[in-house]
Amino acid sequence: VCSALEAKDILQVTRPNFMCVTPGIRLSGGASGDQKRIATPEFARLNGASNIVVGRPITLANDPVQVYHQ
């Protein structure tokens, strides 16, 4: 588990199939809440995240399915 901001650096010093799970994912323009180190899903993907954790933006949404698809 690491910040999407650090995933690229971590992948440079680990084996090729190392899994980087990145929490703190927020949609562009979304509220950061109490998260200090946030990133968009696209930023996380481009930096090598193998999995992302999108919690409150989905669970607190009026339409969680719509937010998931975003």
PDB file of N, CA and C in Angstrom:
ATOM      1  N   VAL A   1       0.866  -1.173   0.000  1.00  0.00           N
ATOM      2  CA  VAL A   1       0.000   0.000   0.000  1.00  0.00           C
ATOM      3  C   VAL A   1       0.905   1.226   0.000  1.00  0.00           C
ATOM      4  N   CYS A   2       0.661   2.101  -0.969  1.00  0.00           N
ATOM      5  CA  CYS A   2       1.474   3.306  -1.067  1.00  0.00           C
ATOM      6  C   CYS A   2       0.672   4.417  -1.732  1.00  0.00           C
ATOM      7  N   SER A   3       1.132   5.613  -1.566  1.00  0.00           N
ATOM      8  CA  SER A   3       0.521   6.749  -2.239  1.00  0.00           C
ATOM      9  C   SER A   3       0.753   6.623  -3.738  1.00  0.00           C
ATOM     10  N   ALA A   4      -0.226   7.063  -4.521  1.00  0.00           N
ATOM     11  CA  ALA A   4      -0.035   7.095  -5.975  1.00  0.00           C
ATOM     12  C   ALA A   4       1.125   8.007  -6.339  1.00  0.00           C
ATOM     13  N   LEU A   5       1.443   8.938  -5.448  1.00  0.00           N
ATOM     14  CA  LEU A   5       2.551   9.855  -5.679  1.00  0.00           C
ATOM     15  C   LEU A   5       3.900   9.146  -5.604  1.00  0.00           C
ATOM     16  N   GLU A   6       3.948   7.973  -4.980  1.00  0.00           N
ATOM     17  CA  GLU A   6       5.194   7.228  -4.798  1.00  0.00           C
ATOM     18  C   GLU A   6       5.249   5.924  -5.585  1.00  0.00           C
ATOM     19  N   ALA A   7       4.152   5.542  -6.215  1.00  0.00           N
ATOM     20  CA  ALA A   7       4.079   4.236  -6.876  1.00  0.00           C
ATOM     21  C   ALA A   7       5.187   4.055  -7.914  1.00  0.00           C
ATOM     22  N   LYS A   8       5.435   5.047  -8.740  1.00  0.00           N
ATOM     23  CA  LYS A   8       6.453   4.926  -9.784  1.00  0.00           C
ATOM     24  C   LYS A   8       7.831   4.664  -9.178  1.00  0.00           C
ATOM     25  N   ASP A   9       8.170   5.375  -8.106  1.00  0.00           N
ATOM     26  CA  ASP A   9       9.468   5.177  -7.450  1.00  0.00           C
ATOM     27  C   ASP A   9       9.572   3.784  -6.841  1.00  0.00           C
ATOM     28  N   ILE A  10       8.502   3.321  -6.241  1.00  0.00           N
ATOM     29  CA  ILE A  10       8.510   1.987  -5.620  1.00  0.00           C
ATOM     30  C   ILE A  10       8.670   0.909  -6.680  1.00  0.00           C
ATOM     31  N   LEU A  11       8.002   1.073  -7.799  1.00  0.00           N
ATOM     32  CA  LEU A  11       8.090   0.069  -8.859  1.00  0.00           C
ATOM     33  C   LEU A  11       9.476   0.002  -9.489  1.00  0.00           C
ATOM     34  N   GLN A  12      10.240   1.059  -9.386  1.00  0.00           N
ATOM     35  CA  GLN A  12      11.601   1.050  -9.933  1.00  0.00           C
ATOM     36  C   GLN A  12      12.559   0.190  -9.112  1.00  0.00           C
ATOM     37  N   VAL A  13      12.212  -0.090  -7.851  1.00  0.00           N
ATOM     38  CA  VAL A  13      13.119  -0.859  -6.990  1.00  0.00           C
ATOM     39  C   VAL A  13      12.517  -2.189  -6.530  1.00  0.00           C
ATOM     40  N   THR A  14      11.428  -2.606  -7.165  1.00  0.00           N
ATOM     41  CA  THR A  14      10.799  -3.885  -6.816  1.00  0.00           C
ATOM     42  C   THR A  14      10.724  -4.760  -8.055  1.00  0.00           C
ATOM     43  N   ARG A  15      10.275  -5.976  -7.864  1.00  0.00           N
ATOM     44  CA  ARG A  15      10.173  -6.901  -8.998  1.00  0.00           C
ATOM     45  C   ARG A  15       9.005  -6.485  -9.916  1.00  0.00           C
ATOM     46  N   PRO A  16       9.015  -6.944 -11.165  1.00  0.00           N
ATOM     47  CA  PRO A  16       8.032  -6.492 -12.156  1.00  0.00           C
ATOM     48  C   PRO A  16       6.564  -6.716 -11.783  1.00  0.00           C
ATOM     49  N   ASN A  17       6.262  -7.768 -11.067  1.00  0.00           N
ATOM     50  CA  ASN A  17       4.862  -8.047 -10.738  1.00  0.00           C
ATOM     51  C   ASN A  17       4.471  -7.554  -9.341  1.00  0.00           C
ATOM     52  N   PHE A  18       5.258  -6.653  -8.773  1.00  0.00           N
ATOM     53  CA  PHE A  18       4.963  -6.088  -7.457  1.00  0.00           C
ATOM     54  C   PHE A  18       3.649  -5.312  -7.528  1.00  0.00           C
ATOM     55  N   MET A  19       2.778  -5.528  -6.562  1.00  0.00           N
ATOM     56  CA  MET A  19       1.469  -4.888  -6.559  1.00  0.00           C
ATOM     57  C   MET A  19       1.511  -3.590  -5.756  1.00  0.00           C
ATOM     58  N   CYS A  20       1.072  -2.504  -6.359  1.00  0.00           N
ATOM     59  CA  CYS A  20       0.953  -1.213  -5.677  1.00  0.00           C
ATOM     60  C   CYS A  20      -0.521  -0.871  -5.539  1.00  0.00           C
ATOM     61  N   VAL A  21      -1.017  -0.910  -4.318  1.00  0.00           N
ATOM     62  CA  VAL A  21      -2.397  -0.551  -4.019  1.00  0.00           C
ATOM     63  C   VAL A  21      -2.375   0.875  -3.483  1.00  0.00           C
ATOM     64  N   THR A  22      -3.133   1.762  -4.133  1.00  0.00           N
ATOM     65  CA  THR A  22      -3.056   3.172  -3.794  1.00  0.00           C
ATOM     66  C   THR A  22      -4.392   3.710  -3.276  1.00  0.00           C
ATOM     67  N   PRO A  23      -4.435   4.076  -2.001  1.00  0.00           N
ATOM     68  CA  PRO A  23      -5.623   4.736  -1.450  1.00  0.00           C
ATOM     69  C   PRO A  23      -5.556   6.243  -1.719  1.00  0.00           C
ATOM     70  N   GLY A  24      -6.534   6.966  -1.256  1.00  0.00           N
ATOM     71  CA  GLY A  24      -6.532   8.422  -1.416  1.00  0.00           C
ATOM     72  C   GLY A  24      -6.906   8.859  -2.809  1.00  0.00           C
ATOM     73  N   ILE A  25      -7.648   8.027  -3.518  1.00  0.00           N
ATOM     74  CA  ILE A  25      -8.039   8.354  -4.886  1.00  0.00           C
ATOM     75  C   ILE A  25      -9.289   9.234  -4.855  1.00  0.00           C
ATOM     76  N   ARG A  26      -9.220  10.329  -5.578  1.00  0.00           N
ATOM     77  CA  ARG A  26     -10.328  11.274  -5.674  1.00  0.00           C
ATOM     78  C   ARG A  26     -10.539  11.634  -7.136  1.00  0.00           C
ATOM     79  N   LEU A  27     -11.779  11.886  -7.497  1.00  0.00           N
ATOM     80  CA  LEU A  27     -12.067  12.319  -8.858  1.00  0.00           C
ATOM     81  C   LEU A  27     -11.572  13.748  -9.035  1.00  0.00           C
ATOM     82  N   SER A  28     -11.252  14.098 -10.242  1.00  0.00           N
ATOM     83  CA  SER A  28     -10.780  15.446 -10.529  1.00  0.00           C
ATOM     84  C   SER A  28     -11.817  16.463 -10.068  1.00  0.00           C
ATOM     85  N   GLY A  29     -11.384  17.420  -9.282  1.00  0.00           N
ATOM     86  CA  GLY A  29     -12.282  18.448  -8.766  1.00  0.00           C
ATOM     87  C   GLY A  29     -13.065  18.034  -7.539  1.00  0.00           C
ATOM     88  N   GLY A  30     -12.894  16.792  -7.089  1.00  0.00           N
ATOM     89  CA  GLY A  30     -13.607  16.316  -5.901  1.00  0.00           C
ATOM     90  C   GLY A  30     -12.950  16.787  -4.622  1.00  0.00           C
ATOM     91  N   ALA A  31     -13.713  16.750  -3.561  1.00  0.00           N
ATOM     92  CA  ALA A  31     -13.192  17.161  -2.253  1.00  0.00           C
ATOM     93  C   ALA A  31     -12.145  16.165  -1.770  1.00  0.00           C
ATOM     94  N   SER A  32     -11.088  16.680  -1.160  1.00  0.00           N
ATOM     95  CA  SER A  32     -10.038  15.799  -0.652  1.00  0.00           C
ATOM     96  C   SER A  32     -10.370  15.237   0.725  1.00  0.00           C
ATOM     97  N   GLY A  33     -11.318  15.855   1.414  1.00  0.00           N
ATOM     98  CA  GLY A  33     -11.655  15.380   2.757  1.00  0.00           C
ATOM     99  C   GLY A  33     -10.457  15.499   3.662  1.00  0.00           C
ATOM    100  N   ASP A  34     -10.205  14.478   4.446  1.00  0.00           N
ATOM    101  CA  ASP A  34      -9.069  14.508   5.364  1.00  0.00           C
ATOM    102  C   ASP A  34      -7.801  13.927   4.743  1.00  0.00           C
ATOM    103  N   GLN A  35      -7.848  13.559   3.472  1.00  0.00           N
ATOM    104  CA  GLN A  35      -6.685  12.991   2.798  1.00  0.00           C
ATOM    105  C   GLN A  35      -5.699  14.095   2.430  1.00  0.00           C
ATOM    106  N   LYS A  36      -4.447  13.869   2.740  1.00  0.00           N
ATOM    107  CA  LYS A  36      -3.405  14.855   2.431  1.00  0.00           C
ATOM    108  C   LYS A  36      -2.733  14.575   1.080  1.00  0.00           C
ATOM    109  N   ARG A  37      -2.618  13.291   0.744  1.00  0.00           N
ATOM    110  CA  ARG A  37      -1.891  12.901  -0.463  1.00  0.00           C
ATOM    111  C   ARG A  37      -2.867  12.205  -1.406  1.00  0.00           C
ATOM    112  N   ILE A  38      -3.542  13.001  -2.210  1.00  0.00           N
ATOM    113  CA  ILE A  38      -4.563  12.452  -3.094  1.00  0.00           C
ATOM    114  C   ILE A  38      -4.083  12.422  -4.537  1.00  0.00           C
ATOM    115  N   ALA A  39      -4.772  11.624  -5.339  1.00  0.00           N
ATOM    116  CA  ALA A  39      -4.484  11.543  -6.769  1.00  0.00           C
ATOM    117  C   ALA A  39      -5.756  11.104  -7.480  1.00  0.00           C
ATOM    118  N   THR A  40      -5.823  11.419  -8.754  1.00  0.00           N
ATOM    119  CA  THR A  40      -6.946  10.960  -9.555  1.00  0.00           C
ATOM    120  C   THR A  40      -6.692   9.517  -9.988  1.00  0.00           C
ATOM    121  N   PRO A  41      -7.739   8.797 -10.405  1.00  0.00           N
ATOM    122  CA  PRO A  41      -7.518   7.438 -10.917  1.00  0.00           C
ATOM    123  C   PRO A  41      -6.539   7.424 -12.092  1.00  0.00           C
ATOM    124  N   GLU A  42      -6.638   8.408 -12.966  1.00  0.00           N
ATOM    125  CA  GLU A  42      -5.746   8.473 -14.123  1.00  0.00           C
ATOM    126  C   GLU A  42      -4.289   8.674 -13.695  1.00  0.00           C
ATOM    127  N   PHE A  43      -4.046   9.564 -12.754  1.00  0.00           N
ATOM    128  CA  PHE A  43      -2.689   9.792 -12.252  1.00  0.00           C
ATOM    129  C   PHE A  43      -2.133   8.504 -11.637  1.00  0.00           C
ATOM    130  N   ALA A  44      -2.952   7.834 -10.841  1.00  0.00           N
ATOM    131  CA  ALA A  44      -2.511   6.585 -10.210  1.00  0.00           C
ATOM    132  C   ALA A  44      -2.153   5.540 -11.266  1.00  0.00           C
ATOM    133  N   ARG A  45      -2.987   5.412 -12.292  1.00  0.00           N
ATOM    134  CA  ARG A  45      -2.725   4.438 -13.358  1.00  0.00           C
ATOM    135  C   ARG A  45      -1.428   4.766 -14.082  1.00  0.00           C
ATOM    136  N   LEU A  46      -1.246   6.032 -14.427  1.00  0.00           N
ATOM    137  CA  LEU A  46      -0.041   6.431 -15.156  1.00  0.00           C
ATOM    138  C   LEU A  46       1.223   6.261 -14.320  1.00  0.00           C
ATOM    139  N   ASN A  47       1.091   6.276 -12.998  1.00  0.00           N
ATOM    140  CA  ASN A  47       2.250   6.097 -12.122  1.00  0.00           C
ATOM    141  C   ASN A  47       2.443   4.666 -11.680  1.00  0.00           C
ATOM    142  N   GLY A  48       1.665   3.735 -12.231  1.00  0.00           N
ATOM    143  CA  GLY A  48       1.917   2.323 -11.999  1.00  0.00           C
ATOM    144  C   GLY A  48       1.059   1.636 -10.966  1.00  0.00           C
ATOM    145  N   ALA A  49       0.034   2.288 -10.452  1.00  0.00           N
ATOM    146  CA  ALA A  49      -0.830   1.629  -9.467  1.00  0.00           C
ATOM    147  C   ALA A  49      -1.490   0.409 -10.101  1.00  0.00           C
ATOM    148  N   SER A  50      -1.429  -0.702  -9.410  1.00  0.00           N
ATOM    149  CA  SER A  50      -2.088  -1.902  -9.915  1.00  0.00           C
ATOM    150  C   SER A  50      -3.529  -1.978  -9.427  1.00  0.00           C
ATOM    151  N   ASN A  51      -3.806  -1.367  -8.302  1.00  0.00           N
ATOM    152  CA  ASN A  51      -5.158  -1.295  -7.741  1.00  0.00           C
ATOM    153  C   ASN A  51      -5.319   0.070  -7.081  1.00  0.00           C
ATOM    154  N   ILE A  52      -6.550   0.599  -7.120  1.00  0.00           N
ATOM    155  CA  ILE A  52      -6.817   1.862  -6.448  1.00  0.00           C
ATOM    156  C   ILE A  52      -7.914   1.657  -5.404  1.00  0.00           C
ATOM    157  N   VAL A  53      -7.884   2.489  -4.397  1.00  0.00           N
ATOM    158  CA  VAL A  53      -8.902   2.455  -3.347  1.00  0.00           C
ATOM    159  C   VAL A  53      -9.668   3.770  -3.408  1.00  0.00           C
ATOM    160  N   VAL A  54     -10.939   3.663  -3.790  1.00  0.00           N
ATOM    161  CA  VAL A  54     -11.816   4.831  -3.860  1.00  0.00           C
ATOM    162  C   VAL A  54     -12.918   4.577  -2.839  1.00  0.00           C
ATOM    163  N   GLY A  55     -12.754   5.147  -1.650  1.00  0.00           N
ATOM    164  CA  GLY A  55     -13.715   4.888  -0.578  1.00  0.00           C
ATOM    165  C   GLY A  55     -14.844   5.893  -0.547  1.00  0.00           C
ATOM    166  N   ARG A  56     -14.665   6.923   0.245  1.00  0.00           N
ATOM    167  CA  ARG A  56     -15.733   7.896   0.496  1.00  0.00           C
ATOM    168  C   ARG A  56     -16.321   8.560  -0.738  1.00  0.00           C
ATOM    169  N   PRO A  57     -15.540   8.853  -1.791  1.00  0.00           N
ATOM    170  CA  PRO A  57     -16.183   9.443  -2.960  1.00  0.00           C
ATOM    171  C   PRO A  57     -17.318   8.561  -3.509  1.00  0.00           C
ATOM    172  N   ILE A  58     -17.205   7.259  -3.318  1.00  0.00           N
ATOM    173  CA  ILE A  58     -18.262   6.348  -3.766  1.00  0.00           C
ATOM    174  C   ILE A  58     -19.280   6.098  -2.665  1.00  0.00           C
ATOM    175  N   THR A  59     -18.801   5.753  -1.470  1.00  0.00           N
ATOM    176  CA  THR A  59     -19.745   5.364  -0.408  1.00  0.00           C
ATOM    177  C   THR A  59     -20.608   6.511   0.075  1.00  0.00           C
ATOM    178  N   LEU A  60     -20.147   7.743  -0.062  1.00  0.00           N
ATOM    179  CA  LEU A  60     -20.921   8.893   0.384  1.00  0.00           C
ATOM    180  C   LEU A  60     -21.703   9.569  -0.742  1.00  0.00           C
ATOM    181  N   ALA A  61     -21.581   9.059  -1.945  1.00  0.00           N
ATOM    182  CA  ALA A  61     -22.245   9.678  -3.091  1.00  0.00           C
ATOM    183  C   ALA A  61     -23.742   9.385  -3.090  1.00  0.00           C
ATOM    184  N   ASN A  62     -24.508  10.329  -3.635  1.00  0.00           N
ATOM    185  CA  ASN A  62     -25.944  10.105  -3.816  1.00  0.00           C
ATOM    186  C   ASN A  62     -26.198   8.979  -4.796  1.00  0.00           C
ATOM    187  N   ASP A  63     -25.337   8.849  -5.800  1.00  0.00           N
ATOM    188  CA  ASP A  63     -25.447   7.788  -6.800  1.00  0.00           C
ATOM    189  C   ASP A  63     -24.085   7.085  -6.916  1.00  0.00           C
ATOM    190  N   PRO A  64     -23.819   6.145  -6.001  1.00  0.00           N
ATOM    191  CA  PRO A  64     -22.510   5.478  -5.997  1.00  0.00           C
ATOM    192  C   PRO A  64     -22.148   4.806  -7.313  1.00  0.00           C
ATOM    193  N   VAL A  65     -23.119   4.234  -7.996  1.00  0.00           N
ATOM    194  CA  VAL A  65     -22.831   3.553  -9.259  1.00  0.00           C
ATOM    195  C   VAL A  65     -22.345   4.558 -10.306  1.00  0.00           C
ATOM    196  N   GLN A  66     -22.966   5.719 -10.354  1.00  0.00           N
ATOM    197  CA  GLN A  66     -22.548   6.746 -11.303  1.00  0.00           C
ATOM    198  C   GLN A  66     -21.119   7.194 -11.001  1.00  0.00           C
ATOM    199  N   VAL A  67     -20.802   7.408  -9.737  1.00  0.00           N
ATOM    200  CA  VAL A  67     -19.449   7.830  -9.350  1.00  0.00           C
ATOM    201  C   VAL A  67     -18.443   6.732  -9.680  1.00  0.00           C
ATOM    202  N   TYR A  68     -18.817   5.482  -9.453  1.00  0.00           N
ATOM    203  CA  TYR A  68     -17.938   4.359  -9.811  1.00  0.00           C
ATOM    204  C   TYR A  68     -17.590   4.415 -11.299  1.00  0.00           C
ATOM    205  N   HIS A  69     -18.571   4.658 -12.144  1.00  0.00           N
ATOM    206  CA  HIS A  69     -18.334   4.688 -13.587  1.00  0.00           C
ATOM    207  C   HIS A  69     -17.508   5.890 -14.028  1.00  0.00           C
ATOM    208  N   GLN A  70     -17.534   6.953 -13.254  1.00  0.00           N
ATOM    209  CA  GLN A  70     -16.696   8.109 -13.578  1.00  0.00           C
ATOM    210  C   GLN A  70     -15.242   7.743 -13.443  1.00  0.00           C
TER     211      GLN A  70
END
